[in-house]
Amino acid sequence: MLAVALLDSGFAVRTAASAAEALTEARRRTPSLVLTDAAMPGIDGFQLCAALRGDPSLGAVPVVLLAASQPDARFRERGLTAGASDCLTKPVDLPRLIQVIRGLSA
């Protein structure tokens, strides 16, 4: 599981069952970074990213969007337009993800 691998890499990880829950938790306790899947039921990762960007207290929080191994051709463009800091495809290359997270969290 990705969260366990990130914990093992020295990150404090908090999980949410949905984008709506993630947004509520982010407003409760500002995260250093948000890692989210692009495709989720209800509010998707693009909408979550836009909501974070639209919140004055969360607008500067880096967001990394993850997509299926064969995302739509506009995935990266849509993610960056929504305000994502980076967009990666699955399966996630853990060393690359950790590099991205460390770079955005510095």
Protein backbone atom coordinates (compact mmCIF):
# COMPACT_ATOMS: atom_id res chain seq x y z
CA MET A 1 0.00 0.00 0.00
CA LEU A 2 1.29 3.45 -0.93
CA ALA A 3 0.58 5.04 2.47
CA VAL A 4 2.63 2.38 4.24
CA ALA A 5 5.53 2.83 1.82
CA LEU A 6 5.47 6.59 2.42
CA LEU A 7 5.35 6.09 6.19
CA ASP A 8 8.36 3.80 5.90
CA SER A 9 10.11 6.60 4.00
CA GLY A 10 9.77 9.00 6.93
CA PHE A 11 6.59 10.89 6.03
CA ALA A 12 3.65 11.45 8.37
CA VAL A 13 0.67 10.24 6.35
CA ARG A 14 -3.00 10.98 6.95
CA THR A 15 -5.59 9.28 4.79
CA ALA A 16 -9.11 10.21 3.76
CA ALA A 17 -11.85 8.01 2.29
CA SER A 18 -13.00 10.68 -0.17
CA ALA A 19 -12.03 14.04 -1.62
CA ALA A 20 -14.70 15.72 0.49
CA GLU A 21 -13.18 14.18 3.63
CA ALA A 22 -9.69 15.20 2.48
CA LEU A 23 -10.81 18.80 2.03
CA THR A 24 -12.43 18.84 5.47
CA GLU A 25 -9.29 17.38 7.06
CA ALA A 26 -7.03 19.81 5.19
CA ARG A 27 -9.10 22.72 6.52
CA ARG A 28 -8.87 21.29 10.02
CA ARG A 29 -5.12 20.71 9.91
CA THR A 30 -3.15 22.22 7.02
CA PRO A 31 -1.09 19.48 5.33
CA SER A 32 2.40 19.91 3.92
CA LEU A 33 1.28 18.21 0.72
CA VAL A 34 -1.81 16.51 -0.72
CA LEU A 35 -1.45 13.31 -2.75
CA THR A 36 -4.70 12.38 -4.47
CA ASP A 37 -6.09 10.16 -7.15
CA ALA A 38 -7.56 12.02 -10.11
CA ALA A 39 -10.51 9.64 -10.53
CA MET A 40 -12.74 9.42 -7.49
CA PRO A 41 -16.51 9.25 -7.12
CA GLY A 42 -18.20 12.51 -6.20
CA ILE A 43 -15.55 15.18 -6.02
CA ASP A 44 -12.62 14.05 -8.19
CA GLY A 45 -8.96 14.92 -7.73
CA PHE A 46 -9.13 17.83 -10.17
CA GLN A 47 -12.02 19.37 -8.23
CA LEU A 48 -10.22 18.75 -4.94
CA CYS A 49 -7.16 20.51 -6.31
CA ALA A 50 -9.24 23.48 -7.48
CA ALA A 51 -10.99 23.66 -4.09
CA LEU A 52 -7.64 23.68 -2.29
CA ARG A 53 -6.38 26.43 -4.60
CA GLY A 54 -9.53 28.44 -3.98
CA ASP A 55 -9.14 28.33 -0.20
CA PRO A 56 -6.88 31.18 1.03
CA SER A 57 -5.48 29.06 3.86
CA LEU A 58 -4.70 26.07 1.59
CA GLY A 59 -3.87 27.72 -1.73
CA ALA A 60 -0.12 27.20 -1.36
CA VAL A 61 -0.29 23.51 -0.35
CA PRO A 62 1.38 21.40 -3.05
CA VAL A 63 -0.89 18.84 -4.70
CA VAL A 64 0.24 15.73 -6.58
CA LEU A 65 -2.40 14.07 -8.77
CA LEU A 66 -2.20 10.36 -9.60
CA ALA A 67 -3.94 8.79 -12.60
CA ALA A 68 -4.46 5.34 -14.02
CA SER A 69 -1.64 3.89 -16.09
CA GLN A 70 -3.34 5.03 -19.30
CA PRO A 71 -4.77 8.45 -18.39
CA ASP A 72 -6.61 10.57 -20.89
CA ALA A 73 -4.21 12.52 -23.11
CA ARG A 74 -5.08 15.76 -21.36
CA PHE A 75 -4.50 14.45 -17.81
CA ARG A 76 -1.36 16.49 -17.15
CA GLU A 77 -2.81 19.64 -18.74
CA ARG A 78 -6.06 19.30 -16.76
CA GLY A 79 -4.13 18.69 -13.55
CA LEU A 80 -1.84 21.67 -13.96
CA THR A 81 -4.80 23.87 -14.95
CA ALA A 82 -6.58 22.80 -11.74
CA GLY A 83 -3.47 23.87 -9.83
CA ALA A 84 -1.64 20.57 -9.30
CA SER A 85 2.05 20.85 -8.55
CA ASP A 86 2.77 17.58 -10.38
CA CYS A 87 0.87 14.77 -12.11
CA LEU A 88 2.04 11.15 -12.05
CA THR A 89 0.66 7.92 -13.50
CA LYS A 90 0.16 4.56 -11.84
CA PRO A 91 1.69 2.26 -11.11
CA VAL A 92 3.60 4.80 -9.08
CA ASP A 93 7.37 4.59 -9.14
CA LEU A 94 7.93 5.00 -5.39
CA PRO A 95 11.46 6.47 -5.60
CA ARG A 96 10.19 9.02 -8.15
CA LEU A 97 7.18 9.86 -5.97
CA ILE A 98 9.38 10.33 -2.90
CA GLN A 99 11.66 12.59 -4.94
CA VAL A 100 8.67 14.68 -6.06
CA ILE A 101 7.30 14.90 -2.51
CA ARG A 102 10.65 15.89 -1.03
CA GLY A 103 11.11 18.52 -3.73
CA LEU A 104 7.67 20.03 -3.14
CA SER A 105 7.94 19.86 0.64
CA ALA A 106 11.33 21.56 0.84
